[in-house]
């Protein structure tokens, strides 16, 4: 469902549109809950890159993504 939403957004929005951050974040969270950490990290980095560029380094969403990516990276080291 989220992938379908993402595809729709990508057809109608620029690649670095802030609205994509939330969708990428939700996909990242879902993948991490499925223990698909490598995929989660890659998609989370897309969200983080957009958030940093469009929202700024100190924005709440950027900080959330930074913390989530740290947790995912920690899980990747364990598995």
PDB file of N, CA and C in Angstrom:
ATOM      1  N   UNK A   1       0.811  -1.186   0.000  1.00  0.00           N
ATOM      2  CA  UNK A   1       0.000   0.000   0.000  1.00  0.00           C
ATOM      3  C   UNK A   1       0.863   1.262   0.000  1.00  0.00           C
ATOM      4  N   UNK A   2       1.873   1.287   0.867  1.00  0.00           N
ATOM      5  CA  UNK A   2       2.744   2.462   0.906  1.00  0.00           C
ATOM      6  C   UNK A   2       3.561   2.600  -0.370  1.00  0.00           C
ATOM      7  N   UNK A   3       3.962   1.479  -0.949  1.00  0.00           N
ATOM      8  CA  UNK A   3       4.711   1.557  -2.203  1.00  0.00           C
ATOM      9  C   UNK A   3       3.856   2.147  -3.312  1.00  0.00           C
ATOM     10  N   UNK A   4       2.583   1.818  -3.319  1.00  0.00           N
ATOM     11  CA  UNK A   4       1.667   2.371  -4.314  1.00  0.00           C
ATOM     12  C   UNK A   4       1.514   3.883  -4.100  1.00  0.00           C
ATOM     13  N   UNK A   5       1.389   4.282  -2.856  1.00  0.00           N
ATOM     14  CA  UNK A   5       1.316   5.702  -2.514  1.00  0.00           C
ATOM     15  C   UNK A   5       2.581   6.427  -2.970  1.00  0.00           C
ATOM     16  N   UNK A   6       3.731   5.815  -2.718  1.00  0.00           N
ATOM     17  CA  UNK A   6       5.001   6.402  -3.122  1.00  0.00           C
ATOM     18  C   UNK A   6       5.069   6.570  -4.635  1.00  0.00           C
ATOM     19  N   UNK A   7       4.664   5.565  -5.369  1.00  0.00           N
ATOM     20  CA  UNK A   7       4.688   5.650  -6.833  1.00  0.00           C
ATOM     21  C   UNK A   7       3.799   6.785  -7.331  1.00  0.00           C
ATOM     22  N   UNK A   8       2.632   6.943  -6.733  1.00  0.00           N
ATOM     23  CA  UNK A   8       1.735   8.037  -7.111  1.00  0.00           C
ATOM     24  C   UNK A   8       2.380   9.382  -6.810  1.00  0.00           C
ATOM     25  N   UNK A   9       2.975   9.509  -5.641  1.00  0.00           N
ATOM     26  CA  UNK A   9       3.641  10.757  -5.277  1.00  0.00           C
ATOM     27  C   UNK A   9       4.800  11.059  -6.221  1.00  0.00           C
ATOM     28  N   UNK A  10       5.580  10.052  -6.556  1.00  0.00           N
ATOM     29  CA  UNK A  10       6.749  10.265  -7.410  1.00  0.00           C
ATOM     30  C   UNK A  10       6.357  10.691  -8.819  1.00  0.00           C
ATOM     31  N   UNK A  11       5.159  10.298  -9.262  1.00  0.00           N
ATOM     32  CA  UNK A  11       4.687  10.725 -10.582  1.00  0.00           C
ATOM     33  C   UNK A  11       4.273  12.193 -10.583  1.00  0.00           C
ATOM     34  N   UNK A  12       3.825  12.693  -9.438  1.00  0.00           N
ATOM     35  CA  UNK A  12       3.271  14.043  -9.409  1.00  0.00           C
ATOM     36  C   UNK A  12       4.115  15.075  -8.663  1.00  0.00           C
ATOM     37  N   UNK A  13       5.165  14.641  -7.984  1.00  0.00           N
ATOM     38  CA  UNK A  13       5.992  15.558  -7.199  1.00  0.00           C
ATOM     39  C   UNK A  13       7.451  15.487  -7.642  1.00  0.00           C
ATOM     40  N   UNK A  14       8.199  16.577  -7.428  1.00  0.00           N
ATOM     41  CA  UNK A  14       9.645  16.510  -7.680  1.00  0.00           C
ATOM     42  C   UNK A  14      10.304  15.478  -6.757  1.00  0.00           C
ATOM     43  N   UNK A  15      11.442  14.956  -7.175  1.00  0.00           N
ATOM     44  CA  UNK A  15      12.141  13.904  -6.424  1.00  0.00           C
ATOM     45  C   UNK A  15      12.522  14.303  -5.005  1.00  0.00           C
ATOM     46  N   UNK A  16      12.661  15.601  -4.762  1.00  0.00           N
ATOM     47  CA  UNK A  16      13.079  16.057  -3.435  1.00  0.00           C
ATOM     48  C   UNK A  16      11.966  16.806  -2.696  1.00  0.00           C
ATOM     49  N   UNK A  17      10.722  16.509  -3.026  1.00  0.00           N
ATOM     50  CA  UNK A  17       9.594  17.183  -2.377  1.00  0.00           C
ATOM     51  C   UNK A  17       9.460  16.711  -0.930  1.00  0.00           C
ATOM     52  N   UNK A  18       9.245  17.641   0.009  1.00  0.00           N
ATOM     53  CA  UNK A  18       9.138  17.266   1.422  1.00  0.00           C
ATOM     54  C   UNK A  18       8.028  16.255   1.734  1.00  0.00           C
ATOM     55  N   UNK A  19       6.989  16.204   0.932  1.00  0.00           N
ATOM     56  CA  UNK A  19       5.912  15.235   1.177  1.00  0.00           C
ATOM     57  C   UNK A  19       6.395  13.796   1.059  1.00  0.00           C
ATOM     58  N   UNK A  20       7.452  13.577   0.301  1.00  0.00           N
ATOM     59  CA  UNK A  20       7.995  12.226   0.154  1.00  0.00           C
ATOM     60  C   UNK A  20       8.658  11.737   1.438  1.00  0.00           C
ATOM     61  N   UNK A  21       9.094  12.671   2.269  1.00  0.00           N
ATOM     62  CA  UNK A  21       9.789  12.301   3.503  1.00  0.00           C
ATOM     63  C   UNK A  21       8.913  11.401   4.374  1.00  0.00           C
ATOM     64  N   UNK A  22       7.663  11.770   4.554  1.00  0.00           N
ATOM     65  CA  UNK A  22       6.767  10.978   5.410  1.00  0.00           C
ATOM     66  C   UNK A  22       6.545   9.584   4.839  1.00  0.00           C
ATOM     67  N   UNK A  23       6.334   9.500   3.537  1.00  0.00           N
ATOM     68  CA  UNK A  23       6.095   8.190   2.925  1.00  0.00           C
ATOM     69  C   UNK A  23       7.331   7.309   3.032  1.00  0.00           C
ATOM     70  N   UNK A  24       8.495   7.861   2.701  1.00  0.00           N
ATOM     71  CA  UNK A  24       9.735   7.099   2.847  1.00  0.00           C
ATOM     72  C   UNK A  24       9.938   6.672   4.310  1.00  0.00           C
ATOM     73  N   UNK A  25       9.605   7.552   5.245  1.00  0.00           N
ATOM     74  CA  UNK A  25       9.767   7.228   6.669  1.00  0.00           C
ATOM     75  C   UNK A  25       8.884   6.060   7.079  1.00  0.00           C
ATOM     76  N   UNK A  26       7.641   6.067   6.613  1.00  0.00           N
ATOM     77  CA  UNK A  26       6.725   4.972   6.949  1.00  0.00           C
ATOM     78  C   UNK A  26       7.208   3.648   6.349  1.00  0.00           C
ATOM     79  N   UNK A  27       7.701   3.700   5.127  1.00  0.00           N
ATOM     80  CA  UNK A  27       8.234   2.488   4.496  1.00  0.00           C
ATOM     81  C   UNK A  27       9.459   1.994   5.266  1.00  0.00           C
ATOM     82  N   UNK A  28      10.312   2.924   5.666  1.00  0.00           N
ATOM     83  CA  UNK A  28      11.502   2.577   6.448  1.00  0.00           C
ATOM     84  C   UNK A  28      11.113   1.873   7.738  1.00  0.00           C
ATOM     85  N   UNK A  29      10.155   2.423   8.437  1.00  0.00           N
ATOM     86  CA  UNK A  29       9.712   1.825   9.694  1.00  0.00           C
ATOM     87  C   UNK A  29       9.140   0.426   9.464  1.00  0.00           C
ATOM     88  N   UNK A  30       8.321   0.283   8.437  1.00  0.00           N
ATOM     89  CA  UNK A  30       7.740  -1.026   8.129  1.00  0.00           C
ATOM     90  C   UNK A  30       8.790  -2.066   7.801  1.00  0.00           C
ATOM     91  N   UNK A  31       9.760  -1.691   6.987  1.00  0.00           N
ATOM     92  CA  UNK A  31      10.824  -2.628   6.625  1.00  0.00           C
ATOM     93  C   UNK A  31      11.667  -3.016   7.836  1.00  0.00           C
ATOM     94  N   UNK A  32      11.923  -2.051   8.707  1.00  0.00           N
ATOM     95  CA  UNK A  32      12.727  -2.377   9.890  1.00  0.00           C
ATOM     96  C   UNK A  32      11.971  -3.331  10.814  1.00  0.00           C
ATOM     97  N   UNK A  33      10.659  -3.183  10.895  1.00  0.00           N
ATOM     98  CA  UNK A  33       9.867  -4.104  11.723  1.00  0.00           C
ATOM     99  C   UNK A  33       9.852  -5.511  11.133  1.00  0.00           C
ATOM    100  N   UNK A  34      10.081  -5.607   9.830  1.00  0.00           N
ATOM    101  CA  UNK A  34      10.180  -6.910   9.166  1.00  0.00           C
ATOM    102  C   UNK A  34      11.613  -7.451   9.181  1.00  0.00           C
ATOM    103  N   UNK A  35      12.507  -6.740   9.876  1.00  0.00           N
ATOM    104  CA  UNK A  35      13.923  -7.101   9.985  1.00  0.00           C
ATOM    105  C   UNK A  35      14.634  -7.031   8.632  1.00  0.00           C
ATOM    106  N   UNK A  36      14.151  -6.194   7.743  1.00  0.00           N
ATOM    107  CA  UNK A  36      14.790  -5.974   6.441  1.00  0.00           C
ATOM    108  C   UNK A  36      15.603  -4.682   6.556  1.00  0.00           C
ATOM    109  N   UNK A  37      16.632  -4.751   7.398  1.00  0.00           N
ATOM    110  CA  UNK A  37      17.363  -3.570   7.824  1.00  0.00           C
ATOM    111  C   UNK A  37      18.119  -2.870   6.703  1.00  0.00           C
ATOM    112  N   UNK A  38      18.709  -3.620   5.816  1.00  0.00           N
ATOM    113  CA  UNK A  38      19.466  -3.005   4.726  1.00  0.00           C
ATOM    114  C   UNK A  38      18.547  -2.171   3.830  1.00  0.00           C
ATOM    115  N   UNK A  39      17.404  -2.739   3.467  1.00  0.00           N
ATOM    116  CA  UNK A  39      16.433  -2.007   2.652  1.00  0.00           C
ATOM    117  C   UNK A  39      15.896  -0.801   3.418  1.00  0.00           C
ATOM    118  N   UNK A  40      15.605  -1.006   4.687  1.00  0.00           N
ATOM    119  CA  UNK A  40      15.087   0.080   5.519  1.00  0.00           C
ATOM    120  C   UNK A  40      16.088   1.225   5.587  1.00  0.00           C
ATOM    121  N   UNK A  41      17.356   0.890   5.747  1.00  0.00           N
ATOM    122  CA  UNK A  41      18.386   1.920   5.845  1.00  0.00           C
ATOM    123  C   UNK A  41      18.488   2.706   4.540  1.00  0.00           C
ATOM    124  N   UNK A  42      18.481   2.018   3.419  1.00  0.00           N
ATOM    125  CA  UNK A  42      18.591   2.696   2.121  1.00  0.00           C
ATOM    126  C   UNK A  42      17.434   3.665   1.891  1.00  0.00           C
ATOM    127  N   UNK A  43      16.229   3.228   2.177  1.00  0.00           N
ATOM    128  CA  UNK A  43      15.068   4.098   1.978  1.00  0.00           C
ATOM    129  C   UNK A  43      15.059   5.212   3.023  1.00  0.00           C
ATOM    130  N   UNK A  44      15.452   4.884   4.233  1.00  0.00           N
ATOM    131  CA  UNK A  44      15.557   5.908   5.270  1.00  0.00           C
ATOM    132  C   UNK A  44      16.551   6.990   4.903  1.00  0.00           C
ATOM    133  N   UNK A  45      17.633   6.605   4.241  1.00  0.00           N
ATOM    134  CA  UNK A  45      18.615   7.601   3.797  1.00  0.00           C
ATOM    135  C   UNK A  45      18.025   8.529   2.737  1.00  0.00           C
ATOM    136  N   UNK A  46      17.167   8.002   1.874  1.00  0.00           N
ATOM    137  CA  UNK A  46      16.490   8.868   0.904  1.00  0.00           C
ATOM    138  C   UNK A  46      15.658   9.908   1.639  1.00  0.00           C
ATOM    139  N   UNK A  47      14.904   9.455   2.626  1.00  0.00           N
ATOM    140  CA  UNK A  47      14.079  10.371   3.416  1.00  0.00           C
ATOM    141  C   UNK A  47      14.954  11.397   4.130  1.00  0.00           C
ATOM    142  N   UNK A  48      16.041  10.929   4.723  1.00  0.00           N
ATOM    143  CA  UNK A  48      16.934  11.821   5.461  1.00  0.00           C
ATOM    144  C   UNK A  48      17.567  12.861   4.542  1.00  0.00           C
ATOM    145  N   UNK A  49      18.006  12.445   3.374  1.00  0.00           N
ATOM    146  CA  UNK A  49      18.611  13.387   2.425  1.00  0.00           C
ATOM    147  C   UNK A  49      17.626  14.479   2.020  1.00  0.00           C
ATOM    148  N   UNK A  50      16.392  14.083   1.728  1.00  0.00           N
ATOM    149  CA  UNK A  50      15.372  15.068   1.358  1.00  0.00           C
ATOM    150  C   UNK A  50      15.068  15.979   2.548  1.00  0.00           C
ATOM    151  N   UNK A  51      14.899  15.390   3.715  1.00  0.00           N
ATOM    152  CA  UNK A  51      14.577  16.176   4.909  1.00  0.00           C
ATOM    153  C   UNK A  51      15.675  17.186   5.211  1.00  0.00           C
ATOM    154  N   UNK A  52      16.920  16.755   5.137  1.00  0.00           N
ATOM    155  CA  UNK A  52      18.033  17.660   5.409  1.00  0.00           C
ATOM    156  C   UNK A  52      18.047  18.813   4.416  1.00  0.00           C
ATOM    157  N   UNK A  53      17.864  18.489   3.155  1.00  0.00           N
ATOM    158  CA  UNK A  53      17.914  19.499   2.097  1.00  0.00           C
ATOM    159  C   UNK A  53      16.719  20.449   2.154  1.00  0.00           C
ATOM    160  N   UNK A  54      15.527  19.899   2.331  1.00  0.00           N
ATOM    161  CA  UNK A  54      14.309  20.702   2.226  1.00  0.00           C
ATOM    162  C   UNK A  54      13.819  21.279   3.560  1.00  0.00           C
ATOM    163  N   UNK A  55      14.080  20.588   4.646  1.00  0.00           N
ATOM    164  CA  UNK A  55      13.544  21.007   5.941  1.00  0.00           C
ATOM    165  C   UNK A  55      14.611  21.558   6.881  1.00  0.00           C
ATOM    166  N   UNK A  56      15.848  21.183   6.642  1.00  0.00           N
ATOM    167  CA  UNK A  56      16.937  21.649   7.490  1.00  0.00           C
ATOM    168  C   UNK A  56      17.398  20.588   8.472  1.00  0.00           C
ATOM    169  N   UNK A  57      18.612  20.759   8.942  1.00  0.00           N
ATOM    170  CA  UNK A  57      19.261  19.772   9.799  1.00  0.00           C
ATOM    171  C   UNK A  57      18.612  19.643  11.174  1.00  0.00           C
ATOM    172  N   UNK A  58      17.994  20.709  11.663  1.00  0.00           N
ATOM    173  CA  UNK A  58      17.426  20.692  13.009  1.00  0.00           C
ATOM    174  C   UNK A  58      15.915  20.485  13.027  1.00  0.00           C
ATOM    175  N   UNK A  59      15.308  20.278  11.878  1.00  0.00           N
ATOM    176  CA  UNK A  59      13.860  20.057  11.824  1.00  0.00           C
ATOM    177  C   UNK A  59      13.500  18.766  12.553  1.00  0.00           C
ATOM    178  N   UNK A  60      12.323  18.745  13.149  1.00  0.00           N
ATOM    179  CA  UNK A  60      11.871  17.581  13.917  1.00  0.00           C
ATOM    180  C   UNK A  60      11.924  16.290  13.099  1.00  0.00           C
ATOM    181  N   UNK A  61      11.484  16.337  11.854  1.00  0.00           N
ATOM    182  CA  UNK A  61      11.476  15.138  11.007  1.00  0.00           C
ATOM    183  C   UNK A  61      12.902  14.680  10.699  1.00  0.00           C
ATOM    184  N   UNK A  62      13.794  15.624  10.473  1.00  0.00           N
ATOM    185  CA  UNK A  62      15.191  15.286  10.205  1.00  0.00           C
ATOM    186  C   UNK A  62      15.821  14.616  11.425  1.00  0.00           C
ATOM    187  N   UNK A  63      15.553  15.165  12.594  1.00  0.00           N
ATOM    188  CA  UNK A  63      16.089  14.584  13.829  1.00  0.00           C
ATOM    189  C   UNK A  63      15.524  13.188  14.079  1.00  0.00           C
ATOM    190  N   UNK A  64      14.236  13.015  13.813  1.00  0.00           N
ATOM    191  CA  UNK A  64      13.600  11.701  13.959  1.00  0.00           C
ATOM    192  C   UNK A  64      14.270  10.678  13.036  1.00  0.00           C
ATOM    193  N   UNK A  65      14.479  11.079  11.791  1.00  0.00           N
ATOM    194  CA  UNK A  65      15.105  10.167  10.824  1.00  0.00           C
ATOM    195  C   UNK A  65      16.533   9.824  11.221  1.00  0.00           C
ATOM    196  N   UNK A  66      17.261  10.802  11.719  1.00  0.00           N
ATOM    197  CA  UNK A  66      18.634  10.556  12.162  1.00  0.00           C
ATOM    198  C   UNK A  66      18.642   9.486  13.254  1.00  0.00           C
ATOM    199  N   UNK A  67      17.730   9.609  14.207  1.00  0.00           N
ATOM    200  CA  UNK A  67      17.650   8.632  15.300  1.00  0.00           C
ATOM    201  C   UNK A  67      17.220   7.258  14.786  1.00  0.00           C
ATOM    202  N   UNK A  68      16.249   7.233  13.878  1.00  0.00           N
ATOM    203  CA  UNK A  68      15.778   5.959  13.334  1.00  0.00           C
ATOM    204  C   UNK A  68      16.897   5.271  12.556  1.00  0.00           C
ATOM    205  N   UNK A  69      17.642   6.024  11.768  1.00  0.00           N
ATOM    206  CA  UNK A  69      18.744   5.434  11.002  1.00  0.00           C
ATOM    207  C   UNK A  69      19.824   4.881  11.925  1.00  0.00           C
ATOM    208  N   UNK A  70      20.062   5.554  13.032  1.00  0.00           N
ATOM    209  CA  UNK A  70      21.040   5.058  14.009  1.00  0.00           C
ATOM    210  C   UNK A  70      20.584   3.714  14.578  1.00  0.00           C
ATOM    211  N   UNK A  71      19.300   3.620  14.926  1.00  0.00           N
ATOM    212  CA  UNK A  71      18.769   2.356  15.454  1.00  0.00           C
ATOM    213  C   UNK A  71      18.850   1.234  14.419  1.00  0.00           C
ATOM    214  N   UNK A  72      18.539   1.565  13.176  1.00  0.00           N
ATOM    215  CA  UNK A  72      18.606   0.555  12.110  1.00  0.00           C
ATOM    216  C   UNK A  72      20.049   0.112  11.896  1.00  0.00           C
ATOM    217  N   UNK A  73      20.975   1.067  11.892  1.00  0.00           N
ATOM    218  CA  UNK A  73      22.392   0.724  11.726  1.00  0.00           C
ATOM    219  C   UNK A  73      22.855  -0.184  12.866  1.00  0.00           C
ATOM    220  N   UNK A  74      22.400   0.106  14.074  1.00  0.00           N
ATOM    221  CA  UNK A  74      22.742  -0.753  15.215  1.00  0.00           C
ATOM    222  C   UNK A  74      22.210  -2.168  15.015  1.00  0.00           C
ATOM    223  N   UNK A  75      20.990  -2.287  14.511  1.00  0.00           N
ATOM    224  CA  UNK A  75      20.408  -3.608  14.252  1.00  0.00           C
ATOM    225  C   UNK A  75      21.168  -4.344  13.148  1.00  0.00           C
ATOM    226  N   UNK A  76      21.614  -3.603  12.148  1.00  0.00           N
ATOM    227  CA  UNK A  76      22.377  -4.223  11.057  1.00  0.00           C
ATOM    228  C   UNK A  76      23.672  -4.828  11.587  1.00  0.00           C
ATOM    229  N   UNK A  77      24.295  -4.160  12.552  1.00  0.00           N
ATOM    230  CA  UNK A  77      25.529  -4.684  13.137  1.00  0.00           C
ATOM    231  C   UNK A  77      25.281  -5.971  13.920  1.00  0.00           C
ATOM    232  N   UNK A  78      24.104  -6.077  14.511  1.00  0.00           N
ATOM    233  CA  UNK A  78      23.779  -7.263  15.311  1.00  0.00           C
ATOM    234  C   UNK A  78      23.417  -8.471  14.457  1.00  0.00           C
ATOM    235  N   UNK A  79      22.962  -8.228  13.235  1.00  0.00           N
ATOM    236  CA  UNK A  79      22.496  -9.342  12.389  1.00  0.00           C
ATOM    237  C   UNK A  79      23.435  -9.606  11.270  1.00  0.00           C
TER     238      UNK A  79
END
